[in-house]
Amino acid sequence: GIISVYSSNLNYAKIASQSLSYASDDIIFSNSDFSNAQISNINLTNSTLTGSNFKESDFTGSNLSGANIQGARFFNTNLNNVNFCGVKGTPFIFKGVSQYGTKCPYKQ
């Protein structure tokens, strides 16, 4: 079945995620703290990541195409080899971000 994931104002700092398999348009992480999180090789297509903190997180190889990043904080974040095509919204912070090999890198 399909699992919907919704969280708001939660602290996920320092998590390590090996493999999540969800219908990604049902993933909503609003105003959540993912600082120092390992979120690599995850399908987050069309997810909602609004207002969340991704300081020093690692998204290597993840698919964020069509994700809503309005107000999110990306500081010293690893977005290497990420699919960033069609992201929506404007991040609050986008500084010190690594985007080597990223498809459709975000232009600050």
PDB file of N, CA and C in Angstrom:
ATOM      1  N   GLY A   1       0.819  -1.187   0.000  1.00  0.00           N
ATOM      2  CA  GLY A   1       0.000   0.000   0.000  1.00  0.00           C
ATOM      3  C   GLY A   1       0.859   1.245   0.000  1.00  0.00           C
ATOM      4  N   ILE A   2       0.209   2.353  -0.094  1.00  0.00           N
ATOM      5  CA  ILE A   2       0.887   3.648  -0.077  1.00  0.00           C
ATOM      6  C   ILE A   2       0.910   4.185   1.341  1.00  0.00           C
ATOM      7  N   ILE A   3       2.045   4.690   1.740  1.00  0.00           N
ATOM      8  CA  ILE A   3       2.203   5.279   3.058  1.00  0.00           C
ATOM      9  C   ILE A   3       2.357   6.776   2.892  1.00  0.00           C
ATOM     10  N   SER A   4       1.530   7.538   3.589  1.00  0.00           N
ATOM     11  CA  SER A   4       1.682   8.989   3.592  1.00  0.00           C
ATOM     12  C   SER A   4       2.503   9.374   4.806  1.00  0.00           C
ATOM     13  N   VAL A   5       3.483  10.243   4.605  1.00  0.00           N
ATOM     14  CA  VAL A   5       4.336  10.687   5.696  1.00  0.00           C
ATOM     15  C   VAL A   5       4.163  12.185   5.847  1.00  0.00           C
ATOM     16  N   TYR A   6       3.778  12.636   7.035  1.00  0.00           N
ATOM     17  CA  TYR A   6       3.644  14.062   7.304  1.00  0.00           C
ATOM     18  C   TYR A   6       4.266  14.346   8.652  1.00  0.00           C
ATOM     19  N   SER A   7       5.107  15.344   8.706  1.00  0.00           N
ATOM     20  CA  SER A   7       5.639  15.769   9.996  1.00  0.00           C
ATOM     21  C   SER A   7       5.824  17.266   9.970  1.00  0.00           C
ATOM     22  N   SER A   8       5.700  17.854  11.123  1.00  0.00           N
ATOM     23  CA  SER A   8       5.864  19.293  11.246  1.00  0.00           C
ATOM     24  C   SER A   8       6.563  19.589  12.557  1.00  0.00           C
ATOM     25  N   ASN A   9       7.555  20.457  12.504  1.00  0.00           N
ATOM     26  CA  ASN A   9       8.271  20.918  13.693  1.00  0.00           C
ATOM     27  C   ASN A   9       8.937  19.788  14.480  1.00  0.00           C
ATOM     28  N   LEU A  10       9.405  18.767  13.799  1.00  0.00           N
ATOM     29  CA  LEU A  10      10.091  17.673  14.466  1.00  0.00           C
ATOM     30  C   LEU A  10      11.588  17.768  14.225  1.00  0.00           C
ATOM     31  N   ASN A  11      12.365  17.130  15.091  1.00  0.00           N
ATOM     32  CA  ASN A  11      13.814  17.168  15.005  1.00  0.00           C
ATOM     33  C   ASN A  11      14.329  15.805  14.556  1.00  0.00           C
ATOM     34  N   TYR A  12      14.853  15.755  13.334  1.00  0.00           N
ATOM     35  CA  TYR A  12      15.426  14.537  12.773  1.00  0.00           C
ATOM     36  C   TYR A  12      16.944  14.652  12.668  1.00  0.00           C
ATOM     37  N   ALA A  13      17.522  15.563  13.388  1.00  0.00           N
ATOM     38  CA  ALA A  13      18.956  15.806  13.284  1.00  0.00           C
ATOM     39  C   ALA A  13      19.734  14.509  13.494  1.00  0.00           C
ATOM     40  N   LYS A  14      20.748  14.341  12.672  1.00  0.00           N
ATOM     41  CA  LYS A  14      21.691  13.233  12.749  1.00  0.00           C
ATOM     42  C   LYS A  14      21.080  11.870  12.438  1.00  0.00           C
ATOM     43  N   ILE A  15      19.980  11.821  11.698  1.00  0.00           N
ATOM     44  CA  ILE A  15      19.437  10.522  11.297  1.00  0.00           C
ATOM     45  C   ILE A  15      20.275   9.952  10.162  1.00  0.00           C
ATOM     46  N   ALA A  16      20.214   8.671  10.001  1.00  0.00           N
ATOM     47  CA  ALA A  16      20.837   8.007   8.856  1.00  0.00           C
ATOM     48  C   ALA A  16      19.768   7.128   8.231  1.00  0.00           C
ATOM     49  N   SER A  17      19.456   7.375   6.986  1.00  0.00           N
ATOM     50  CA  SER A  17      18.402   6.629   6.306  1.00  0.00           C
ATOM     51  C   SER A  17      19.017   5.814   5.180  1.00  0.00           C
ATOM     52  N   GLN A  18      18.870   4.518   5.225  1.00  0.00           N
ATOM     53  CA  GLN A  18      19.461   3.659   4.211  1.00  0.00           C
ATOM     54  C   GLN A  18      18.572   3.514   2.986  1.00  0.00           C
ATOM     55  N   SER A  19      17.305   3.178   3.169  1.00  0.00           N
ATOM     56  CA  SER A  19      16.426   3.099   2.006  1.00  0.00           C
ATOM     57  C   SER A  19      14.979   3.292   2.438  1.00  0.00           C
ATOM     58  N   LEU A  20      14.407   4.363   1.962  1.00  0.00           N
ATOM     59  CA  LEU A  20      12.996   4.624   2.195  1.00  0.00           C
ATOM     60  C   LEU A  20      12.279   4.408   0.882  1.00  0.00           C
ATOM     61  N   SER A  21      11.114   3.821   0.929  1.00  0.00           N
ATOM     62  CA  SER A  21      10.337   3.624  -0.286  1.00  0.00           C
ATOM     63  C   SER A  21       8.904   4.056  -0.025  1.00  0.00           C
ATOM     64  N   TYR A  22       8.591   5.263  -0.416  1.00  0.00           N
ATOM     65  CA  TYR A  22       7.259   5.822  -0.246  1.00  0.00           C
ATOM     66  C   TYR A  22       6.813   6.405  -1.573  1.00  0.00           C
ATOM     67  N   ALA A  23       5.516   6.633  -1.714  1.00  0.00           N
ATOM     68  CA  ALA A  23       5.030   7.445  -2.826  1.00  0.00           C
ATOM     69  C   ALA A  23       5.429   8.864  -2.448  1.00  0.00           C
ATOM     70  N   SER A  24       6.473   9.377  -3.063  1.00  0.00           N
ATOM     71  CA  SER A  24       7.118  10.584  -2.561  1.00  0.00           C
ATOM     72  C   SER A  24       6.255  11.831  -2.593  1.00  0.00           C
ATOM     73  N   ASP A  25       5.206  11.872  -3.422  1.00  0.00           N
ATOM     74  CA  ASP A  25       4.363  13.056  -3.389  1.00  0.00           C
ATOM     75  C   ASP A  25       3.501  13.087  -2.132  1.00  0.00           C
ATOM     76  N   ASP A  26       3.551  12.022  -1.337  1.00  0.00           N
ATOM     77  CA  ASP A  26       2.867  11.994  -0.052  1.00  0.00           C
ATOM     78  C   ASP A  26       3.809  12.337   1.100  1.00  0.00           C
ATOM     79  N   ILE A  27       5.062  12.665   0.799  1.00  0.00           N
ATOM     80  CA  ILE A  27       6.019  12.998   1.848  1.00  0.00           C
ATOM     81  C   ILE A  27       5.991  14.495   2.093  1.00  0.00           C
ATOM     82  N   ILE A  28       5.654  14.866   3.324  1.00  0.00           N
ATOM     83  CA  ILE A  28       5.614  16.273   3.717  1.00  0.00           C
ATOM     84  C   ILE A  28       6.438  16.423   4.988  1.00  0.00           C
ATOM     85  N   PHE A  29       7.537  17.169   4.895  1.00  0.00           N
ATOM     86  CA  PHE A  29       8.345  17.513   6.051  1.00  0.00           C
ATOM     87  C   PHE A  29       8.346  19.028   6.147  1.00  0.00           C
ATOM     88  N   SER A  30       7.548  19.567   7.026  1.00  0.00           N
ATOM     89  CA  SER A  30       7.379  21.006   7.154  1.00  0.00           C
ATOM     90  C   SER A  30       8.029  21.491   8.444  1.00  0.00           C
ATOM     91  N   ASN A  31       8.921  22.486   8.326  1.00  0.00           N
ATOM     92  CA  ASN A  31       9.575  23.099   9.490  1.00  0.00           C
ATOM     93  C   ASN A  31      10.247  22.064  10.389  1.00  0.00           C
ATOM     94  N   SER A  32      10.905  21.086   9.788  1.00  0.00           N
ATOM     95  CA  SER A  32      11.570  20.030  10.541  1.00  0.00           C
ATOM     96  C   SER A  32      13.084  20.192  10.466  1.00  0.00           C
ATOM     97  N   ASP A  33      13.790  19.668  11.458  1.00  0.00           N
ATOM     98  CA  ASP A  33      15.245  19.799  11.535  1.00  0.00           C
ATOM     99  C   ASP A  33      15.915  18.505  11.077  1.00  0.00           C
ATOM    100  N   PHE A  34      16.579  18.581   9.924  1.00  0.00           N
ATOM    101  CA  PHE A  34      17.340  17.465   9.380  1.00  0.00           C
ATOM    102  C   PHE A  34      18.831  17.789   9.372  1.00  0.00           C
ATOM    103  N   SER A  35      19.291  18.668  10.250  1.00  0.00           N
ATOM    104  CA  SER A  35      20.704  19.031  10.241  1.00  0.00           C
ATOM    105  C   SER A  35      21.561  17.791  10.500  1.00  0.00           C
ATOM    106  N   ASN A  36      22.642  17.674   9.724  1.00  0.00           N
ATOM    107  CA  ASN A  36      23.592  16.557   9.802  1.00  0.00           C
ATOM    108  C   ASN A  36      22.983  15.204   9.430  1.00  0.00           C
ATOM    109  N   ALA A  37      21.848  15.199   8.754  1.00  0.00           N
ATOM    110  CA  ALA A  37      21.177  13.943   8.401  1.00  0.00           C
ATOM    111  C   ALA A  37      21.776  13.331   7.138  1.00  0.00           C
ATOM    112  N   GLN A  38      21.767  12.019   7.071  1.00  0.00           N
ATOM    113  CA  GLN A  38      22.194  11.260   5.897  1.00  0.00           C
ATOM    114  C   GLN A  38      20.928  10.870   5.141  1.00  0.00           C
ATOM    115  N   ILE A  39      20.655  11.550   4.006  1.00  0.00           N
ATOM    116  CA  ILE A  39      19.424  11.340   3.241  1.00  0.00           C
ATOM    117  C   ILE A  39      19.809  10.976   1.807  1.00  0.00           C
ATOM    118  N   SER A  40      20.815  10.152   1.642  1.00  0.00           N
ATOM    119  CA  SER A  40      21.322   9.853   0.305  1.00  0.00           C
ATOM    120  C   SER A  40      20.557   8.711  -0.358  1.00  0.00           C
ATOM    121  N   ASN A  41      20.494   8.812  -1.713  1.00  0.00           N
ATOM    122  CA  ASN A  41      19.849   7.802  -2.556  1.00  0.00           C
ATOM    123  C   ASN A  41      18.384   7.556  -2.192  1.00  0.00           C
ATOM    124  N   ILE A  42      17.671   8.631  -1.890  1.00  0.00           N
ATOM    125  CA  ILE A  42      16.256   8.559  -1.518  1.00  0.00           C
ATOM    126  C   ILE A  42      15.426   9.241  -2.597  1.00  0.00           C
ATOM    127  N   ASN A  43      14.278   8.667  -2.933  1.00  0.00           N
ATOM    128  CA  ASN A  43      13.366   9.278  -3.896  1.00  0.00           C
ATOM    129  C   ASN A  43      12.415  10.222  -3.162  1.00  0.00           C
ATOM    130  N   LEU A  44      12.627  11.521  -3.339  1.00  0.00           N
ATOM    131  CA  LEU A  44      11.776  12.544  -2.731  1.00  0.00           C
ATOM    132  C   LEU A  44      11.070  13.371  -3.801  1.00  0.00           C
ATOM    133  N   THR A  45      10.798  12.751  -4.951  1.00  0.00           N
ATOM    134  CA  THR A  45      10.125  13.427  -6.052  1.00  0.00           C
ATOM    135  C   THR A  45       8.795  14.013  -5.585  1.00  0.00           C
ATOM    136  N   ASN A  46       8.567  15.287  -5.914  1.00  0.00           N
ATOM    137  CA  ASN A  46       7.321  15.994  -5.593  1.00  0.00           C
ATOM    138  C   ASN A  46       7.013  16.078  -4.104  1.00  0.00           C
ATOM    139  N   SER A  47       8.006  15.878  -3.248  1.00  0.00           N
ATOM    140  CA  SER A  47       7.785  15.978  -1.810  1.00  0.00           C
ATOM    141  C   SER A  47       7.695  17.443  -1.384  1.00  0.00           C
ATOM    142  N   THR A  48       7.237  17.668  -0.174  1.00  0.00           N
ATOM    143  CA  THR A  48       7.149  19.008   0.406  1.00  0.00           C
ATOM    144  C   THR A  48       8.159  19.095   1.540  1.00  0.00           C
ATOM    145  N   LEU A  49       9.142  19.986   1.396  1.00  0.00           N
ATOM    146  CA  LEU A  49      10.220  20.136   2.376  1.00  0.00           C
ATOM    147  C   LEU A  49      10.254  21.564   2.920  1.00  0.00           C
ATOM    148  N   THR A  50       9.135  22.234   2.927  1.00  0.00           N
ATOM    149  CA  THR A  50       9.062  23.663   3.233  1.00  0.00           C
ATOM    150  C   THR A  50       9.522  23.994   4.649  1.00  0.00           C
ATOM    151  N   GLY A  51      10.342  25.041   4.733  1.00  0.00           N
ATOM    152  CA  GLY A  51      10.783  25.571   6.011  1.00  0.00           C
ATOM    153  C   GLY A  51      11.701  24.664   6.808  1.00  0.00           C
ATOM    154  N   SER A  52      12.135  23.550   6.246  1.00  0.00           N
ATOM    155  CA  SER A  52      12.963  22.603   6.992  1.00  0.00           C
ATOM    156  C   SER A  52      14.440  22.985   6.937  1.00  0.00           C
ATOM    157  N   ASN A  53      15.202  22.500   7.916  1.00  0.00           N
ATOM    158  CA  ASN A  53      16.623  22.796   8.048  1.00  0.00           C
ATOM    159  C   ASN A  53      17.435  21.587   7.585  1.00  0.00           C
ATOM    160  N   PHE A  54      18.243  21.786   6.537  1.00  0.00           N
ATOM    161  CA  PHE A  54      19.097  20.733   6.006  1.00  0.00           C
ATOM    162  C   PHE A  54      20.570  21.107   6.146  1.00  0.00           C
ATOM    163  N   LYS A  55      20.917  21.819   7.211  1.00  0.00           N
ATOM    164  CA  LYS A  55      22.303  22.231   7.455  1.00  0.00           C
ATOM    165  C   LYS A  55      23.191  20.990   7.578  1.00  0.00           C
ATOM    166  N   GLU A  56      24.251  20.966   6.741  1.00  0.00           N
ATOM    167  CA  GLU A  56      25.261  19.913   6.746  1.00  0.00           C
ATOM    168  C   GLU A  56      24.671  18.517   6.526  1.00  0.00           C
ATOM    169  N   SER A  57      23.543  18.439   5.829  1.00  0.00           N
ATOM    170  CA  SER A  57      22.940  17.151   5.476  1.00  0.00           C
ATOM    171  C   SER A  57      23.536  16.634   4.172  1.00  0.00           C
ATOM    172  N   ASP A  58      23.413  15.342   3.946  1.00  0.00           N
ATOM    173  CA  ASP A  58      23.958  14.709   2.748  1.00  0.00           C
ATOM    174  C   ASP A  58      22.831  14.050   1.953  1.00  0.00           C
ATOM    175  N   PHE A  59      22.526  14.629   0.785  1.00  0.00           N
ATOM    176  CA  PHE A  59      21.488  14.123  -0.110  1.00  0.00           C
ATOM    177  C   PHE A  59      22.086  13.382  -1.311  1.00  0.00           C
ATOM    178  N   THR A  60      23.352  13.008  -1.285  1.00  0.00           N
ATOM    179  CA  THR A  60      24.026  12.426  -2.442  1.00  0.00           C
ATOM    180  C   THR A  60      23.159  11.377  -3.143  1.00  0.00           C
ATOM    181  N   GLY A  61      22.960  11.582  -4.458  1.00  0.00           N
ATOM    182  CA  GLY A  61      22.251  10.615  -5.279  1.00  0.00           C
ATOM    183  C   GLY A  61      20.741  10.579  -5.116  1.00  0.00           C
ATOM    184  N   SER A  62      20.171  11.479  -4.333  1.00  0.00           N
ATOM    185  CA  SER A  62      18.718  11.483  -4.127  1.00  0.00           C
ATOM    186  C   SER A  62      17.995  12.181  -5.271  1.00  0.00           C
ATOM    187  N   ASN A  63      16.717  11.893  -5.403  1.00  0.00           N
ATOM    188  CA  ASN A  63      15.885  12.523  -6.422  1.00  0.00           C
ATOM    189  C   ASN A  63      14.930  13.498  -5.744  1.00  0.00           C
ATOM    190  N   LEU A  64      15.179  14.793  -5.934  1.00  0.00           N
ATOM    191  CA  LEU A  64      14.325  15.835  -5.375  1.00  0.00           C
ATOM    192  C   LEU A  64      13.552  16.562  -6.470  1.00  0.00           C
ATOM    193  N   SER A  65      13.418  15.956  -7.636  1.00  0.00           N
ATOM    194  CA  SER A  65      12.733  16.628  -8.739  1.00  0.00           C
ATOM    195  C   SER A  65      11.300  16.966  -8.337  1.00  0.00           C
ATOM    196  N   GLY A  66      10.914  18.212  -8.602  1.00  0.00           N
ATOM    197  CA  GLY A  66       9.568  18.676  -8.298  1.00  0.00           C
ATOM    198  C   GLY A  66       9.291  18.947  -6.833  1.00  0.00           C
ATOM    199  N   ALA A  67      10.298  18.798  -5.970  1.00  0.00           N
ATOM    200  CA  ALA A  67      10.089  19.031  -4.535  1.00  0.00           C
ATOM    201  C   ALA A  67       9.843  20.515  -4.258  1.00  0.00           C
ATOM    202  N   ASN A  68       9.060  20.799  -3.231  1.00  0.00           N
ATOM    203  CA  ASN A  68       8.820  22.173  -2.797  1.00  0.00           C
ATOM    204  C   ASN A  68       9.809  22.493  -1.679  1.00  0.00           C
ATOM    205  N   ILE A  69      10.737  23.430  -1.945  1.00  0.00           N
ATOM    206  CA  ILE A  69      11.785  23.777  -0.982  1.00  0.00           C
ATOM    207  C   ILE A  69      11.593  25.193  -0.430  1.00  0.00           C
ATOM    208  N   GLN A  70      10.380  25.729  -0.532  1.00  0.00           N
ATOM    209  CA  GLN A  70      10.102  27.090  -0.078  1.00  0.00           C
ATOM    210  C   GLN A  70      10.536  27.272   1.380  1.00  0.00           C
ATOM    211  N   GLY A  71      11.398  28.264   1.624  1.00  0.00           N
ATOM    212  CA  GLY A  71      11.813  28.609   2.975  1.00  0.00           C
ATOM    213  C   GLY A  71      12.762  27.627   3.635  1.00  0.00           C
ATOM    214  N   ALA A  72      13.202  26.587   2.918  1.00  0.00           N
ATOM    215  CA  ALA A  72      14.119  25.602   3.503  1.00  0.00           C
ATOM    216  C   ALA A  72      15.510  26.213   3.659  1.00  0.00           C
ATOM    217  N   ARG A  73      16.289  25.636   4.569  1.00  0.00           N
ATOM    218  CA  ARG A  73      17.644  26.108   4.840  1.00  0.00           C
ATOM    219  C   ARG A  73      18.640  25.043   4.386  1.00  0.00           C
ATOM    220  N   PHE A  74      19.428  25.394   3.368  1.00  0.00           N
ATOM    221  CA  PHE A  74      20.487  24.529   2.859  1.00  0.00           C
ATOM    222  C   PHE A  74      21.803  25.242   3.132  1.00  0.00           C
ATOM    223  N   PHE A  75      22.537  24.833   4.165  1.00  0.00           N
ATOM    224  CA  PHE A  75      23.810  25.443   4.527  1.00  0.00           C
ATOM    225  C   PHE A  75      24.840  24.335   4.665  1.00  0.00           C
ATOM    226  N   ASN A  76      25.913  24.431   3.843  1.00  0.00           N
ATOM    227  CA  ASN A  76      26.940  23.382   3.808  1.00  0.00           C
ATOM    228  C   ASN A  76      26.313  22.006   3.557  1.00  0.00           C
ATOM    229  N   THR A  77      25.335  21.975   2.672  1.00  0.00           N
ATOM    230  CA  THR A  77      24.598  20.755   2.341  1.00  0.00           C
ATOM    231  C   THR A  77      25.215  20.088   1.119  1.00  0.00           C
ATOM    232  N   ASN A  78      25.280  18.758   1.131  1.00  0.00           N
ATOM    233  CA  ASN A  78      25.802  17.999   0.004  1.00  0.00           C
ATOM    234  C   ASN A  78      24.639  17.600  -0.905  1.00  0.00           C
ATOM    235  N   LEU A  79      24.584  18.226  -2.084  1.00  0.00           N
ATOM    236  CA  LEU A  79      23.583  17.886  -3.096  1.00  0.00           C
ATOM    237  C   LEU A  79      24.254  17.281  -4.332  1.00  0.00           C
ATOM    238  N   ASN A  80      25.393  16.626  -4.145  1.00  0.00           N
ATOM    239  CA  ASN A  80      26.106  16.015  -5.262  1.00  0.00           C
ATOM    240  C   ASN A  80      25.282  14.893  -5.890  1.00  0.00           C
ATOM    241  N   ASN A  81      25.258  14.898  -7.239  1.00  0.00           N
ATOM    242  CA  ASN A  81      24.563  13.865  -8.014  1.00  0.00           C
ATOM    243  C   ASN A  81      23.074  13.749  -7.684  1.00  0.00           C
ATOM    244  N   VAL A  82      22.475  14.859  -7.289  1.00  0.00           N
ATOM    245  CA  VAL A  82      21.045  14.914  -6.980  1.00  0.00           C
ATOM    246  C   VAL A  82      20.282  15.362  -8.224  1.00  0.00           C
ATOM    247  N   ASN A  83      19.062  14.878  -8.397  1.00  0.00           N
ATOM    248  CA  ASN A  83      18.170  15.399  -9.434  1.00  0.00           C
ATOM    249  C   ASN A  83      17.366  16.520  -8.784  1.00  0.00           C
ATOM    250  N   PHE A  84      17.662  17.757  -9.192  1.00  0.00           N
ATOM    251  CA  PHE A  84      17.039  18.942  -8.607  1.00  0.00           C
ATOM    252  C   PHE A  84      16.143  19.634  -9.638  1.00  0.00           C
ATOM    253  N   CYS A  85      15.787  18.929 -10.709  1.00  0.00           N
ATOM    254  CA  CYS A  85      14.972  19.517 -11.780  1.00  0.00           C
ATOM    255  C   CYS A  85      13.557  19.812 -11.296  1.00  0.00           C
ATOM    256  N   GLY A  86      13.077  20.980 -11.640  1.00  0.00           N
ATOM    257  CA  GLY A  86      11.695  21.343 -11.356  1.00  0.00           C
ATOM    258  C   GLY A  86      11.369  21.619  -9.910  1.00  0.00           C
ATOM    259  N   VAL A  87      12.410  21.851  -9.058  1.00  0.00           N
ATOM    260  CA  VAL A  87      12.087  22.186  -7.670  1.00  0.00           C
ATOM    261  C   VAL A  87      11.266  23.470  -7.631  1.00  0.00           C
ATOM    262  N   LYS A  88      10.402  23.566  -6.632  1.00  0.00           N
ATOM    263  CA  LYS A  88       9.514  24.717  -6.497  1.00  0.00           C
ATOM    264  C   LYS A  88       9.876  25.510  -5.254  1.00  0.00           C
ATOM    265  N   GLY A  89       9.662  26.819  -5.318  1.00  0.00           N
ATOM    266  CA  GLY A  89       9.891  27.667  -4.160  1.00  0.00           C
ATOM    267  C   GLY A  89      11.303  28.203  -4.100  1.00  0.00           C
ATOM    268  N   THR A  90      11.507  29.106  -3.168  1.00  0.00           N
ATOM    269  CA  THR A  90      12.804  29.734  -2.951  1.00  0.00           C
ATOM    270  C   THR A  90      13.276  29.400  -1.547  1.00  0.00           C
ATOM    271  N   PRO A  91      14.475  28.799  -1.421  1.00  0.00           N
ATOM    272  CA  PRO A  91      14.974  28.497  -0.082  1.00  0.00           C
ATOM    273  C   PRO A  91      15.306  29.771   0.683  1.00  0.00           C
ATOM    274  N   PHE A  92      15.189  29.715   1.999  1.00  0.00           N
ATOM    275  CA  PHE A  92      15.535  30.838   2.856  1.00  0.00           C
ATOM    276  C   PHE A  92      17.048  31.034   2.856  1.00  0.00           C
ATOM    277  N   ILE A  93      17.795  29.937   2.935  1.00  0.00           N
ATOM    278  CA  ILE A  93      19.261  29.961   2.888  1.00  0.00           C
ATOM    279  C   ILE A  93      19.711  28.899   1.891  1.00  0.00           C
ATOM    280  N   PHE A  94      20.671  29.257   1.031  1.00  0.00           N
ATOM    281  CA  PHE A  94      21.284  28.310   0.101  1.00  0.00           C
ATOM    282  C   PHE A  94      22.739  28.736  -0.033  1.00  0.00           C
ATOM    283  N   LYS A  95      23.574  28.290   0.921  1.00  0.00           N
ATOM    284  CA  LYS A  95      24.950  28.776   1.005  1.00  0.00           C
ATOM    285  C   LYS A  95      25.898  27.612   1.316  1.00  0.00           C
ATOM    286  N   GLY A  96      27.045  27.617   0.638  1.00  0.00           N
ATOM    287  CA  GLY A  96      28.044  26.583   0.881  1.00  0.00           C
ATOM    288  C   GLY A  96      27.578  25.205   0.437  1.00  0.00           C
ATOM    289  N   VAL A  97      26.685  25.169  -0.551  1.00  0.00           N
ATOM    290  CA  VAL A  97      26.092  23.916  -1.017  1.00  0.00           C
ATOM    291  C   VAL A  97      26.943  23.318  -2.136  1.00  0.00           C
ATOM    292  N   SER A  98      27.234  22.031  -2.042  1.00  0.00           N
ATOM    293  CA  SER A  98      27.978  21.318  -3.071  1.00  0.00           C
ATOM    294  C   SER A  98      26.979  20.678  -4.032  1.00  0.00           C
ATOM    295  N   GLN A  99      27.150  20.956  -5.354  1.00  0.00           N
ATOM    296  CA  GLN A  99      26.225  20.435  -6.362  1.00  0.00           C
ATOM    297  C   GLN A  99      26.959  19.768  -7.525  1.00  0.00           C
ATOM    298  N   TYR A 100      28.097  19.102  -7.256  1.00  0.00           N
ATOM    299  CA  TYR A 100      28.843  18.426  -8.316  1.00  0.00           C
ATOM    300  C   TYR A 100      28.006  17.295  -8.902  1.00  0.00           C
ATOM    301  N   GLY A 101      27.880  17.271 -10.222  1.00  0.00           N
ATOM    302  CA  GLY A 101      27.130  16.224 -10.896  1.00  0.00           C
ATOM    303  C   GLY A 101      25.623  16.322 -10.725  1.00  0.00           C
ATOM    304  N   THR A 102      25.165  17.413 -10.136  1.00  0.00           N
ATOM    305  CA  THR A 102      23.732  17.593  -9.899  1.00  0.00           C
ATOM    306  C   THR A 102      23.009  17.920 -11.192  1.00  0.00           C
ATOM    307  N   LYS A 103      21.900  17.243 -11.416  1.00  0.00           N
ATOM    308  CA  LYS A 103      21.062  17.511 -12.579  1.00  0.00           C
ATOM    309  C   LYS A 103      20.183  18.717 -12.240  1.00  0.00           C
ATOM    310  N   CYS A 104      20.253  19.763 -13.077  1.00  0.00           N
ATOM    311  CA  CYS A 104      19.511  21.017 -12.868  1.00  0.00           C
ATOM    312  C   CYS A 104      19.904  21.683 -11.544  1.00  0.00           C
ATOM    313  N   PRO A 105      21.202  21.993 -11.334  1.00  0.00           N
ATOM    314  CA  PRO A 105      21.615  22.615 -10.073  1.00  0.00           C
ATOM    315  C   PRO A 105      20.866  23.913  -9.809  1.00  0.00           C
ATOM    316  N   TYR A 106      20.622  24.187  -8.537  1.00  0.00           N
ATOM    317  CA  TYR A 106      19.911  25.401  -8.135  1.00  0.00           C
ATOM    318  C   TYR A 106      20.823  26.607  -8.319  1.00  0.00           C
ATOM    319  N   LYS A 107      20.291  27.642  -8.901  1.00  0.00           N
ATOM    320  CA  LYS A 107      21.034  28.894  -9.093  1.00  0.00           C
ATOM    321  C   LYS A 107      20.613  29.871  -8.012  1.00  0.00           C
ATOM    322  N   GLN A 108      21.587  30.335  -7.249  1.00  0.00           N
ATOM    323  CA  GLN A 108      21.299  31.235  -6.133  1.00  0.00           C
ATOM    324  C   GLN A 108      21.028  32.640  -6.590  1.00  0.00           C
TER     325      GLN A 108
END
